Amino acid sequence: MANRPYLLGMYEKALPADLTWKEKLEGAKECGFDWIEISIDESDAKVARLDWTKEERDELVRLMKETGTPIYTMCFSSQRKYSLGCLNPEIHAKAMANMQKAVDLAADLGIRIIQLAGYDAYYEPRSKATEEEFLKNLKIATEMAARKGIILAFETMMDTDFLNTVEKGVNFCKQVNSPYLGVYPDIGNLVSARHDYGYKTSVVEDLKKGAGRIFACHLKETAPGKDRNVPWGSGLTDYVTDIKVLKDMGVRMFNGEFWYTDQPDWKAYCKEANVFLRDKLDQVFNEE
């Protein structure tokens, strides 16, 4: 695994929530993954991680070294609730404070990439004003990240059409014009954008529009009208074709996005995902 030319991580939520961090790190390694993507979602418990003490952060770093499993990326989906484009002053203040805390946490834990949820606003009506507010605050957030050498990268979302393609993410990158802002697409969500919103540009052509700006990629299965918990290989995601495009563009970090839903044997569940995804990645990276 160490000699492969790519790294395959796993989403923290693929593991049972009641595991300790040591158990999560050991479990990910046992199941064949190279790193864990930590979740900072909109729940109070996950947002509270942004206020971990120095001792709590140091202990997690110690556990990463002990187990040999790093946390390289952060899924910062709390932005659905605390959106950069929200016009409510109270929520806006919380969003910007959380952004700074996320950057600081990433720096303390050795996280390289913060995956930004692609929403200008979610729980309020979207408008030209929310998009303008999003762009203004995105520039500030990127400066926060640049000061700590942390990359921000958009996840392509599937539940709104605000930022559901690589092309849309690149458009914001061009407006901010910083090497610390890019795209971290979800190829399953890109399929959904075509199916649910009728985009004509293929996933492959959309990925190509991100050349030089894609830092990592979520690998997820998707099916018409269903974006989660689709059995591997039964949906519409064309892993090999998409991974080949990403490989040719220099992408080497891939993350399996799937969820624990009370599976009786979570290790077998995670190992199955690892075998499936490694097979697709190896088909591409082992080509002569």
Protein backbone atom coordinates (compact mmCIF):
# COMPACT_ATOMS: atom_id res chain seq x y z
CA MET A 1 0.00 0.00 0.00
CA ALA A 2 2.84 2.37 0.84
CA ASN A 3 4.30 1.95 -2.64
CA ARG A 4 1.15 2.90 -4.52
CA PRO A 5 1.38 6.19 -6.45
CA TYR A 6 -1.84 7.48 -4.87
CA LEU A 7 -3.42 7.67 -1.40
CA LEU A 8 -6.93 6.48 -0.51
CA GLY A 9 -8.61 7.96 2.53
CA MET A 10 -11.98 7.31 4.13
CA TYR A 11 -14.70 9.58 5.44
CA GLU A 12 -14.97 9.55 9.22
CA LYS A 13 -18.73 8.93 9.03
CA ALA A 14 -18.09 5.51 7.49
CA LEU A 15 -17.06 4.48 11.01
CA PRO A 16 -19.39 4.01 14.00
CA ALA A 17 -19.76 7.33 15.82
CA ASP A 18 -19.21 5.79 19.24
CA LEU A 19 -15.66 4.66 18.50
CA THR A 20 -12.83 6.53 20.21
CA TRP A 21 -10.37 8.37 18.02
CA LYS A 22 -7.81 5.66 18.61
CA GLU A 23 -10.32 3.03 17.49
CA LYS A 24 -11.20 5.08 14.39
CA LEU A 25 -7.56 5.54 13.39
CA GLU A 26 -6.73 1.88 14.00
CA GLY A 27 -9.90 0.76 12.23
CA ALA A 28 -9.19 2.81 9.12
CA LYS A 29 -5.70 1.35 8.89
CA GLU A 30 -6.92 -2.21 9.48
CA CYS A 31 -9.48 -1.77 6.69
CA GLY A 32 -6.77 -0.69 4.26
CA PHE A 33 -7.15 3.10 4.12
CA ASP A 34 -4.28 5.59 4.20
CA TRP A 35 -5.93 8.40 6.13
CA ILE A 36 -9.19 9.66 7.64
CA GLU A 37 -11.17 12.71 6.57
CA ILE A 38 -12.47 14.36 9.75
CA SER A 39 -16.05 15.62 9.74
CA ILE A 40 -17.01 19.08 10.98
CA ASP A 41 -20.70 19.00 10.11
CA GLU A 42 -23.50 21.26 11.32
CA SER A 43 -24.27 19.25 14.49
CA ASP A 44 -23.37 20.92 17.78
CA ALA A 45 -21.10 18.00 18.70
CA LYS A 46 -19.02 18.30 15.52
CA VAL A 47 -18.89 22.12 15.57
CA ALA A 48 -17.62 21.86 19.16
CA ARG A 49 -14.48 20.21 17.79
CA LEU A 50 -13.44 23.64 16.55
CA ASP A 51 -12.97 24.58 20.22
CA TRP A 52 -10.85 21.60 21.22
CA THR A 53 -8.19 22.56 23.73
CA LYS A 54 -4.47 22.41 22.99
CA GLU A 55 -4.30 19.23 25.07
CA GLU A 56 -7.08 17.57 23.05
CA ARG A 57 -5.41 18.52 19.78
CA ASP A 58 -2.02 17.32 20.96
CA GLU A 59 -3.52 14.00 22.07
CA LEU A 60 -5.08 13.42 18.65
CA VAL A 61 -1.74 14.19 16.98
CA ARG A 62 -0.10 11.69 19.33
CA LEU A 63 -2.68 9.06 18.40
CA MET A 64 -2.12 9.67 14.69
CA LYS A 65 1.60 9.08 15.17
CA GLU A 66 1.00 6.01 17.35
CA THR A 67 -1.40 4.35 14.90
CA GLY A 68 0.29 5.52 11.72
CA THR A 69 -3.01 6.90 10.40
CA PRO A 70 -3.04 10.65 9.69
CA ILE A 71 -5.98 13.00 9.25
CA TYR A 72 -5.09 14.74 6.00
CA THR A 73 -8.41 16.38 5.08
CA MET A 74 -11.43 18.01 6.73
CA CYS A 75 -15.00 17.84 5.40
CA PHE A 76 -16.23 21.25 6.59
CA SER A 77 -19.93 20.72 5.92
CA SER A 78 -21.03 22.86 8.88
CA GLN A 79 -21.16 25.58 6.25
CA ARG A 80 -24.58 24.34 5.28
CA LYS A 81 -25.85 25.83 8.56
CA TYR A 82 -23.25 28.57 8.92
CA SER A 83 -22.91 29.63 5.30
CA LEU A 84 -20.43 32.17 3.98
CA GLY A 85 -23.21 33.87 2.04
CA CYS A 86 -25.77 34.04 4.83
CA LEU A 87 -27.23 37.52 5.27
CA ASN A 88 -28.26 37.00 8.91
CA PRO A 89 -25.64 38.98 10.90
CA GLU A 90 -25.56 36.51 13.78
CA ILE A 91 -25.08 33.47 11.55
CA HIS A 92 -22.62 35.39 9.40
CA ALA A 93 -20.46 36.14 12.45
CA LYS A 94 -20.58 32.49 13.49
CA ALA A 95 -19.65 31.37 9.97
CA MET A 96 -16.57 33.57 9.81
CA ALA A 97 -15.47 32.67 13.35
CA ASN A 98 -15.87 28.97 12.53
CA MET A 99 -13.86 29.42 9.35
CA GLN A 100 -10.91 30.82 11.28
CA LYS A 101 -11.22 28.07 13.89
CA ALA A 102 -11.29 25.43 11.16
CA VAL A 103 -8.07 26.80 9.65
CA ASP A 104 -6.41 26.85 13.06
CA LEU A 105 -7.56 23.30 13.83
CA ALA A 106 -6.27 22.11 10.47
CA ALA A 107 -2.88 23.67 11.13
CA ASP A 108 -2.67 22.10 14.59
CA LEU A 109 -3.62 18.60 13.35
CA GLY A 110 -1.55 18.57 10.17
CA ILE A 111 -4.59 18.70 7.87
CA ARG A 112 -3.67 19.75 4.33
CA ILE A 113 -7.05 20.45 2.75
CA ILE A 114 -10.34 21.84 4.08
CA GLN A 115 -13.14 20.78 1.80
CA LEU A 116 -15.66 23.62 1.63
CA ALA A 117 -19.33 22.85 1.15
CA GLY A 118 -20.43 24.66 -2.00
CA TYR A 119 -23.32 26.73 -0.63
CA ASP A 120 -23.84 30.48 -0.60
CA ALA A 121 -26.91 29.97 1.61
CA TYR A 122 -28.92 26.88 2.47
CA TYR A 123 -31.57 27.51 5.13
CA GLU A 124 -32.60 30.87 3.68
CA PRO A 125 -33.62 32.04 0.21
CA ARG A 126 -30.73 32.31 -2.22
CA SER A 127 -30.31 35.51 -4.17
CA LYS A 128 -27.80 37.70 -5.93
CA ALA A 129 -27.07 39.21 -2.52
CA THR A 130 -26.19 35.85 -0.96
CA GLU A 131 -23.89 35.04 -3.88
CA GLU A 132 -22.12 38.39 -3.54
CA GLU A 133 -21.77 37.91 0.21
CA PHE A 134 -20.39 34.42 -0.40
CA LEU A 135 -17.71 35.71 -2.76
CA LYS A 136 -16.73 38.54 -0.42
CA ASN A 137 -16.33 36.20 2.54
CA LEU A 138 -14.68 33.50 0.42
CA LYS A 139 -11.87 35.95 -0.30
CA ILE A 140 -11.45 36.58 3.43
CA ALA A 141 -11.54 32.83 4.19
CA THR A 142 -8.89 32.15 1.56
CA GLU A 143 -6.63 34.75 3.14
CA MET A 144 -7.14 33.04 6.52
CA ALA A 145 -6.08 29.73 5.01
CA ALA A 146 -3.14 31.21 3.12
CA ARG A 147 -1.65 32.56 6.33
CA LYS A 148 -1.45 29.00 7.67
CA GLY A 149 -0.56 27.32 4.37
CA ILE A 150 -3.88 25.43 4.29
CA ILE A 151 -5.72 24.72 1.04
CA LEU A 152 -9.44 25.39 0.73
CA ALA A 153 -11.22 23.36 -1.95
CA PHE A 154 -14.87 23.25 -2.98
CA GLU A 155 -16.93 20.11 -2.78
CA THR A 156 -19.32 19.89 -5.71
CA MET A 157 -22.73 19.54 -4.03
CA MET A 158 -25.81 17.65 -5.20
CA ASP A 159 -28.70 19.32 -3.35
CA THR A 160 -28.53 22.80 -4.91
CA ASP A 161 -27.35 24.05 -8.30
CA PHE A 162 -25.19 26.82 -6.82
CA LEU A 163 -21.91 24.91 -6.98
CA ASN A 164 -22.61 21.44 -8.34
CA THR A 165 -20.01 21.35 -11.11
CA VAL A 166 -16.24 21.72 -11.29
CA GLU A 167 -16.71 24.54 -13.79
CA LYS A 168 -18.69 26.57 -11.25
CA GLY A 169 -16.04 25.99 -8.61
CA VAL A 170 -13.30 27.09 -10.99
CA ASN A 171 -15.25 30.25 -11.75
CA PHE A 172 -15.05 31.27 -8.08
CA CYS A 173 -11.38 30.27 -7.96
CA LYS A 174 -10.66 32.64 -10.83
CA GLN A 175 -12.45 35.48 -9.05
CA VAL A 176 -10.48 34.95 -5.83
CA ASN A 177 -7.22 34.23 -7.72
CA SER A 178 -5.29 32.45 -4.97
CA PRO A 179 -3.16 29.29 -5.03
CA TYR A 180 -4.84 28.34 -1.75
CA LEU A 181 -8.31 27.91 -3.27
CA GLY A 182 -9.30 25.04 -5.53
CA VAL A 183 -11.79 22.24 -6.08
CA TYR A 184 -12.26 18.90 -4.30
CA PRO A 185 -15.02 17.36 -6.43
CA ASP A 186 -17.28 14.44 -5.64
CA ILE A 187 -17.62 12.39 -8.81
CA GLY A 188 -20.88 10.88 -7.58
CA ASN A 189 -22.34 14.35 -7.11
CA LEU A 190 -21.17 15.31 -10.60
CA VAL A 191 -23.26 12.45 -11.97
CA SER A 192 -26.23 13.76 -9.98
CA ALA A 193 -25.78 17.23 -11.45
CA ARG A 194 -26.31 15.75 -14.90
CA HIS A 195 -29.22 13.57 -13.88
CA ASP A 196 -31.04 15.94 -11.52
CA TYR A 197 -30.32 19.29 -13.18
CA GLY A 198 -29.89 18.26 -16.79
CA TYR A 199 -26.37 19.51 -17.40
CA LYS A 200 -25.19 18.48 -20.84
CA THR A 201 -21.44 18.72 -20.23
CA SER A 202 -20.16 15.24 -19.38
CA VAL A 203 -18.48 14.48 -16.06
CA VAL A 204 -15.21 13.93 -17.91
CA GLU A 205 -15.37 17.30 -19.68
CA ASP A 206 -16.35 19.00 -16.44
CA LEU A 207 -13.40 17.46 -14.60
CA LYS A 208 -11.08 18.65 -17.35
CA LYS A 209 -12.22 22.21 -16.70
CA GLY A 210 -10.58 21.89 -13.29
CA ALA A 211 -7.07 21.23 -14.64
CA GLY A 212 -4.52 22.67 -12.24
CA ARG A 213 -7.15 23.43 -9.60
CA ILE A 214 -8.29 19.99 -8.35
CA PHE A 215 -6.46 18.93 -5.19
CA ALA A 216 -8.31 15.72 -4.24
CA CYS A 217 -11.46 13.81 -5.15
CA HIS A 218 -14.36 12.11 -3.37
CA LEU A 219 -15.25 8.70 -4.75
CA LYS A 220 -18.93 7.95 -4.17
CA GLU A 221 -21.56 5.72 -5.72
CA THR A 222 -24.76 7.38 -6.90
CA ALA A 223 -27.99 6.37 -8.60
CA PRO A 224 -30.98 8.28 -10.01
CA GLY A 225 -32.68 10.03 -7.12
CA LYS A 226 -30.32 8.52 -4.54
CA ASP A 227 -27.00 10.04 -3.52
CA ARG A 228 -26.13 8.01 -0.43
CA ASN A 229 -25.77 4.37 0.56
CA VAL A 230 -25.89 3.08 -3.00
CA PRO A 231 -24.13 -0.33 -3.15
CA TRP A 232 -20.71 -0.09 -4.77
CA GLY A 233 -20.81 -0.80 -8.48
CA SER A 234 -24.60 -0.69 -8.76
CA GLY A 235 -24.95 2.97 -9.67
CA LEU A 236 -23.92 5.42 -12.36
CA THR A 237 -20.46 6.53 -11.22
CA ASP A 238 -17.83 5.71 -13.86
CA TYR A 239 -14.84 5.35 -11.54
CA VAL A 240 -12.17 4.18 -13.97
CA THR A 241 -12.91 6.79 -16.63
CA ASP A 242 -13.07 9.63 -14.10
CA ILE A 243 -9.99 8.52 -12.16
CA LYS A 244 -8.00 8.33 -15.40
CA VAL A 245 -8.84 11.95 -16.16
CA LEU A 246 -7.89 12.97 -12.63
CA LYS A 247 -4.65 10.98 -12.77
CA ASP A 248 -3.67 12.69 -16.01
CA MET A 249 -4.25 16.06 -14.30
CA GLY A 250 -1.92 15.11 -11.45
CA VAL A 251 -4.46 14.27 -8.74
CA ARG A 252 -3.11 11.71 -6.27
CA MET A 253 -5.41 12.01 -3.23
CA PHE A 254 -8.74 10.15 -3.32
CA ASN A 255 -11.27 9.71 -0.54
CA GLY A 256 -13.99 7.09 -0.28
CA GLU A 257 -17.21 8.77 0.80
CA PHE A 258 -19.67 6.34 2.34
CA TRP A 259 -21.63 6.14 5.59
CA TYR A 260 -22.00 3.80 8.55
CA THR A 261 -25.69 2.91 8.94
CA ASP A 262 -25.69 0.29 11.69
CA GLN A 263 -24.01 -2.38 9.60
CA PRO A 264 -23.62 -5.49 11.78
CA ASP A 265 -19.93 -5.78 10.83
CA TRP A 266 -18.53 -2.32 10.16
CA LYS A 267 -15.02 -3.60 9.49
CA ALA A 268 -16.24 -5.94 6.76
CA TYR A 269 -18.27 -3.05 5.33
CA CYS A 270 -15.24 -0.75 5.23
CA LYS A 271 -12.95 -3.45 3.85
CA GLU A 272 -15.44 -4.10 1.05
CA ALA A 273 -15.36 -0.40 0.14
CA ASN A 274 -11.57 -0.41 0.23
CA VAL A 275 -11.28 -3.44 -2.05
CA PHE A 276 -13.76 -1.95 -4.54
CA LEU A 277 -12.09 1.46 -4.67
CA ARG A 278 -8.53 0.12 -4.72
CA ASP A 279 -9.47 -2.06 -7.66
CA LYS A 280 -10.69 0.97 -9.63
CA LEU A 281 -7.68 3.08 -8.68
CA ASP A 282 -5.20 0.29 -9.41
CA GLN A 283 -6.73 -0.33 -12.83
CA VAL A 284 -5.81 3.25 -13.71
CA PHE A 285 -2.53 3.71 -11.87
CA ASN A 286 -1.13 0.32 -12.92
CA GLU A 287 -1.58 1.05 -16.61
CA GLU A 288 1.63 1.09 -18.58
